[in-house]
């Protein structure tokens, strides 16, 4: 059975993910690699059942628990993010492109979700995180993790709406 062939950029990111996992003492198995590749190649955030359909092209017996276990691993390693609003997943390109020293490194993840076309853009703006930390510190709250999801229109959809 042939493995899925991904675009060169995706293969580079998958190789980076494999090295990052090895550095943590974990393993990016063939199945996890394939799920991550499918997430990275998706044009938009992708849901678990869409990933399952993609997996079944090569692995006929793939079942939902298989996908969810792989997604849990990828989330734990910091290789993907879950967009809660959409119940879908996107790759953490900041980690996979080397913007962070290692997978799992927490960063200030903010997502801009276009309600027109569904495109999701990830920001890594530490100013937003620091503003949140400063605001919560005033009431005695300690932030351990933060993900911001903002809905609106991307530039292309905004321009199309005003044309």
C-alpha atoms as a PDB file:
ATOM      1  CA  UNK A   1       0.000   0.000   0.000  1.00  0.00           C
ATOM      2  CA  UNK A   2       1.526   3.318  -1.046  1.00  0.00           C
ATOM      3  CA  UNK A   3       1.906   6.106   1.487  1.00  0.00           C
ATOM      4  CA  UNK A   4       0.452   9.508   0.769  1.00  0.00           C
ATOM      5  CA  UNK A   5       2.851  11.801  -1.075  1.00  0.00           C
ATOM      6  CA  UNK A   6       2.769  15.380   0.167  1.00  0.00           C
ATOM      7  CA  UNK A   7       4.051  18.628  -1.338  1.00  0.00           C
ATOM      8  CA  UNK A   8       7.738  19.424  -0.768  1.00  0.00           C
ATOM      9  CA  UNK A   9       6.996  22.147   1.808  1.00  0.00           C
ATOM     10  CA  UNK A  10       4.762  19.762   3.739  1.00  0.00           C
ATOM     11  CA  UNK A  11       7.416  17.025   3.620  1.00  0.00           C
ATOM     12  CA  UNK A  12       9.956  19.500   5.029  1.00  0.00           C
ATOM     13  CA  UNK A  13       7.576  20.375   7.863  1.00  0.00           C
ATOM     14  CA  UNK A  14       6.928  16.674   8.505  1.00  0.00           C
ATOM     15  CA  UNK A  15      10.677  16.020   8.703  1.00  0.00           C
ATOM     16  CA  UNK A  16      10.988  18.918  11.169  1.00  0.00           C
ATOM     17  CA  UNK A  17       8.123  17.452  13.220  1.00  0.00           C
ATOM     18  CA  UNK A  18       9.864  14.083  13.305  1.00  0.00           C
ATOM     19  CA  UNK A  19      13.083  15.678  14.615  1.00  0.00           C
ATOM     20  CA  UNK A  20      11.178  17.706  17.210  1.00  0.00           C
ATOM     21  CA  UNK A  21       9.359  14.617  18.464  1.00  0.00           C
ATOM     22  CA  UNK A  22      12.609  12.652  18.678  1.00  0.00           C
ATOM     23  CA  UNK A  23      14.144  15.484  20.712  1.00  0.00           C
ATOM     24  CA  UNK A  24      11.289  14.993  23.220  1.00  0.00           C
ATOM     25  CA  UNK A  25      11.723  11.251  23.296  1.00  0.00           C
ATOM     26  CA  UNK A  26       8.468  10.678  21.423  1.00  0.00           C
ATOM     27  CA  UNK A  27       7.879   9.235  17.989  1.00  0.00           C
ATOM     28  CA  UNK A  28       6.067  10.575  14.953  1.00  0.00           C
ATOM     29  CA  UNK A  29       4.716   7.248  13.696  1.00  0.00           C
ATOM     30  CA  UNK A  30       3.704   6.781  10.065  1.00  0.00           C
ATOM     31  CA  UNK A  31       0.049   7.250  11.019  1.00  0.00           C
ATOM     32  CA  UNK A  32       0.715  10.423  13.018  1.00  0.00           C
ATOM     33  CA  UNK A  33       2.868  11.731  10.176  1.00  0.00           C
ATOM     34  CA  UNK A  34       0.085  11.074   7.693  1.00  0.00           C
ATOM     35  CA  UNK A  35      -2.525  12.822   9.867  1.00  0.00           C
ATOM     36  CA  UNK A  36      -0.208  15.804  10.327  1.00  0.00           C
ATOM     37  CA  UNK A  37       0.437  15.886   6.577  1.00  0.00           C
ATOM     38  CA  UNK A  38      -3.303  15.926   5.871  1.00  0.00           C
ATOM     39  CA  UNK A  39      -3.792  18.786   8.349  1.00  0.00           C
ATOM     40  CA  UNK A  40      -0.934  20.763   6.807  1.00  0.00           C
ATOM     41  CA  UNK A  41      -2.146  20.263   3.239  1.00  0.00           C
ATOM     42  CA  UNK A  42      -5.748  21.229   3.966  1.00  0.00           C
ATOM     43  CA  UNK A  43      -6.685  24.625   2.545  1.00  0.00           C
ATOM     44  CA  UNK A  44      -8.842  25.329   5.590  1.00  0.00           C
ATOM     45  CA  UNK A  45      -9.074  23.965   9.146  1.00  0.00           C
ATOM     46  CA  UNK A  46      -9.931  20.299   8.899  1.00  0.00           C
ATOM     47  CA  UNK A  47     -12.223  18.216  11.102  1.00  0.00           C
ATOM     48  CA  UNK A  48     -11.500  14.756  12.468  1.00  0.00           C
ATOM     49  CA  UNK A  49     -13.947  12.995  10.145  1.00  0.00           C
ATOM     50  CA  UNK A  50     -12.494  14.722   7.093  1.00  0.00           C
ATOM     51  CA  UNK A  51      -9.093  13.486   8.241  1.00  0.00           C
ATOM     52  CA  UNK A  52     -10.546  10.011   8.644  1.00  0.00           C
ATOM     53  CA  UNK A  53     -11.777  10.116   5.041  1.00  0.00           C
ATOM     54  CA  UNK A  54      -8.294  11.176   3.928  1.00  0.00           C
ATOM     55  CA  UNK A  55      -6.679   8.376   5.919  1.00  0.00           C
ATOM     56  CA  UNK A  56      -8.975   5.755   4.455  1.00  0.00           C
ATOM     57  CA  UNK A  57      -7.458   6.397   1.012  1.00  0.00           C
ATOM     58  CA  UNK A  58      -4.385   4.485   2.266  1.00  0.00           C
ATOM     59  CA  UNK A  59      -5.643   2.749   5.410  1.00  0.00           C
ATOM     60  CA  UNK A  60      -9.031   1.202   4.704  1.00  0.00           C
ATOM     61  CA  UNK A  61      -9.559   0.082   8.313  1.00  0.00           C
ATOM     62  CA  UNK A  62      -8.935   3.502   9.869  1.00  0.00           C
ATOM     63  CA  UNK A  63     -11.479   4.318  12.573  1.00  0.00           C
ATOM     64  CA  UNK A  64     -12.354   7.483  14.538  1.00  0.00           C
ATOM     65  CA  UNK A  65     -10.326   6.491  17.634  1.00  0.00           C
ATOM     66  CA  UNK A  66      -7.245   6.166  15.401  1.00  0.00           C
ATOM     67  CA  UNK A  67      -7.609   9.760  14.230  1.00  0.00           C
ATOM     68  CA  UNK A  68      -8.415  11.138  17.681  1.00  0.00           C
ATOM     69  CA  UNK A  69      -5.354   9.441  19.242  1.00  0.00           C
ATOM     70  CA  UNK A  70      -3.134  10.892  16.514  1.00  0.00           C
ATOM     71  CA  UNK A  71      -4.688  14.354  16.961  1.00  0.00           C
ATOM     72  CA  UNK A  72      -4.218  14.185  20.749  1.00  0.00           C
ATOM     73  CA  UNK A  73      -0.532  13.360  20.243  1.00  0.00           C
ATOM     74  CA  UNK A  74      -0.039  16.164  17.709  1.00  0.00           C
ATOM     75  CA  UNK A  75      -1.761  18.659  20.022  1.00  0.00           C
ATOM     76  CA  UNK A  76       0.336  17.543  22.995  1.00  0.00           C
ATOM     77  CA  UNK A  77       3.523  17.938  20.946  1.00  0.00           C
ATOM     78  CA  UNK A  78       2.490  21.455  19.876  1.00  0.00           C
ATOM     79  CA  UNK A  79       2.447  20.502  16.176  1.00  0.00           C
ATOM     80  CA  UNK A  80      -1.196  21.448  15.585  1.00  0.00           C
ATOM     81  CA  UNK A  81      -3.842  23.694  17.109  1.00  0.00           C
ATOM     82  CA  UNK A  82      -7.521  23.025  17.603  1.00  0.00           C
ATOM     83  CA  UNK A  83      -9.801  25.830  16.499  1.00  0.00           C
ATOM     84  CA  UNK A  84     -12.514  25.311  19.108  1.00  0.00           C
ATOM     85  CA  UNK A  85     -15.038  27.538  17.335  1.00  0.00           C
ATOM     86  CA  UNK A  86     -14.863  25.290  14.255  1.00  0.00           C
ATOM     87  CA  UNK A  87     -14.024  21.992  15.987  1.00  0.00           C
ATOM     88  CA  UNK A  88     -11.231  21.680  13.433  1.00  0.00           C
ATOM     89  CA  UNK A  89      -7.444  21.561  13.321  1.00  0.00           C
ATOM     90  CA  UNK A  90      -4.625  23.555  11.726  1.00  0.00           C
ATOM     91  CA  UNK A  91      -0.893  22.962  11.698  1.00  0.00           C
ATOM     92  CA  UNK A  92       1.302  25.076  13.964  1.00  0.00           C
ATOM     93  CA  UNK A  93       3.505  26.492  11.253  1.00  0.00           C
ATOM     94  CA  UNK A  94       5.391  28.613  13.807  1.00  0.00           C
ATOM     95  CA  UNK A  95       6.734  25.428  15.372  1.00  0.00           C
ATOM     96  CA  UNK A  96       7.110  23.451  12.141  1.00  0.00           C
ATOM     97  CA  UNK A  97       8.925  26.241  10.311  1.00  0.00           C
ATOM     98  CA  UNK A  98      11.375  26.709  13.169  1.00  0.00           C
ATOM     99  CA  UNK A  99       9.983  29.894  14.731  1.00  0.00           C
ATOM    100  CA  UNK A 100      10.075  28.121  18.097  1.00  0.00           C
ATOM    101  CA  UNK A 101      13.031  26.235  19.445  1.00  0.00           C
ATOM    102  CA  UNK A 102      11.076  23.055  20.019  1.00  0.00           C
ATOM    103  CA  UNK A 103       7.652  21.509  19.619  1.00  0.00           C
ATOM    104  CA  UNK A 104       5.374  22.020  22.564  1.00  0.00           C
ATOM    105  CA  UNK A 105       6.876  25.446  23.265  1.00  0.00           C
ATOM    106  CA  UNK A 106       3.925  27.564  24.351  1.00  0.00           C
ATOM    107  CA  UNK A 107       3.332  30.619  22.271  1.00  0.00           C
ATOM    108  CA  UNK A 108       0.714  33.308  22.018  1.00  0.00           C
ATOM    109  CA  UNK A 109      -1.673  31.690  19.569  1.00  0.00           C
ATOM    110  CA  UNK A 110      -4.355  33.907  18.138  1.00  0.00           C
ATOM    111  CA  UNK A 111      -6.566  32.918  15.229  1.00  0.00           C
ATOM    112  CA  UNK A 112      -8.423  35.192  12.830  1.00  0.00           C
ATOM    113  CA  UNK A 113     -11.390  33.297  11.398  1.00  0.00           C
ATOM    114  CA  UNK A 114     -12.945  34.736   8.237  1.00  0.00           C
ATOM    115  CA  UNK A 115     -16.716  34.279   8.333  1.00  0.00           C
ATOM    116  CA  UNK A 116     -16.833  34.908   4.580  1.00  0.00           C
ATOM    117  CA  UNK A 117     -14.478  32.273   3.173  1.00  0.00           C
ATOM    118  CA  UNK A 118     -13.567  30.210   6.241  1.00  0.00           C
ATOM    119  CA  UNK A 119      -9.841  30.956   6.027  1.00  0.00           C
ATOM    120  CA  UNK A 120      -7.994  30.904   9.357  1.00  0.00           C
ATOM    121  CA  UNK A 121      -4.831  32.925   9.933  1.00  0.00           C
ATOM    122  CA  UNK A 122      -2.600  32.277  12.930  1.00  0.00           C
ATOM    123  CA  UNK A 123      -0.935  35.185  14.668  1.00  0.00           C
ATOM    124  CA  UNK A 124       1.803  34.921  17.259  1.00  0.00           C
ATOM    125  CA  UNK A 125       1.505  38.374  18.822  1.00  0.00           C
ATOM    126  CA  UNK A 126       3.075  38.459  22.252  1.00  0.00           C
ATOM    127  CA  UNK A 127       1.600  41.920  22.869  1.00  0.00           C
ATOM    128  CA  UNK A 128      -1.874  40.376  22.980  1.00  0.00           C
ATOM    129  CA  UNK A 129      -0.701  37.716  25.419  1.00  0.00           C
ATOM    130  CA  UNK A 130       1.019  40.282  27.644  1.00  0.00           C
ATOM    131  CA  UNK A 131      -2.104  42.478  27.666  1.00  0.00           C
ATOM    132  CA  UNK A 132      -4.146  39.471  28.793  1.00  0.00           C
ATOM    133  CA  UNK A 133      -1.620  38.543  31.472  1.00  0.00           C
ATOM    134  CA  UNK A 134      -1.503  42.121  32.765  1.00  0.00           C
ATOM    135  CA  UNK A 135      -5.308  42.357  32.879  1.00  0.00           C
ATOM    136  CA  UNK A 136      -5.735  39.023  34.666  1.00  0.00           C
ATOM    137  CA  UNK A 137      -2.904  39.706  37.107  1.00  0.00           C
ATOM    138  CA  UNK A 138      -4.931  42.688  38.402  1.00  0.00           C
ATOM    139  CA  UNK A 139      -7.624  40.290  39.619  1.00  0.00           C
ATOM    140  CA  UNK A 140      -5.209  37.669  40.937  1.00  0.00           C
ATOM    141  CA  UNK A 141      -5.567  35.215  38.066  1.00  0.00           C
ATOM    142  CA  UNK A 142      -2.557  33.404  36.567  1.00  0.00           C
ATOM    143  CA  UNK A 143      -2.711  32.522  32.857  1.00  0.00           C
ATOM    144  CA  UNK A 144      -1.109  29.190  31.956  1.00  0.00           C
ATOM    145  CA  UNK A 145      -2.375  28.897  28.395  1.00  0.00           C
ATOM    146  CA  UNK A 146      -4.284  31.171  26.063  1.00  0.00           C
ATOM    147  CA  UNK A 147      -5.841  30.823  22.644  1.00  0.00           C
ATOM    148  CA  UNK A 148      -7.742  33.722  21.123  1.00  0.00           C
ATOM    149  CA  UNK A 149     -10.211  33.172  18.281  1.00  0.00           C
ATOM    150  CA  UNK A 150     -11.520  36.289  16.551  1.00  0.00           C
ATOM    151  CA  UNK A 151     -14.158  36.201  13.823  1.00  0.00           C
ATOM    152  CA  UNK A 152     -14.438  38.773  11.071  1.00  0.00           C
ATOM    153  CA  UNK A 153     -13.653  39.269   7.386  1.00  0.00           C
ATOM    154  CA  UNK A 154     -10.294  38.763   5.703  1.00  0.00           C
ATOM    155  CA  UNK A 155      -9.054  41.515   3.386  1.00  0.00           C
ATOM    156  CA  UNK A 156     -10.244  39.683   0.264  1.00  0.00           C
ATOM    157  CA  UNK A 157     -13.776  39.123   1.589  1.00  0.00           C
ATOM    158  CA  UNK A 158     -13.975  42.665   2.975  1.00  0.00           C
ATOM    159  CA  UNK A 159     -12.912  44.084  -0.386  1.00  0.00           C
ATOM    160  CA  UNK A 160     -15.400  41.846  -2.228  1.00  0.00           C
ATOM    161  CA  UNK A 161     -18.197  42.972   0.122  1.00  0.00           C
ATOM    162  CA  UNK A 162     -17.487  46.654  -0.492  1.00  0.00           C
ATOM    163  CA  UNK A 163     -17.107  46.310  -4.277  1.00  0.00           C
END
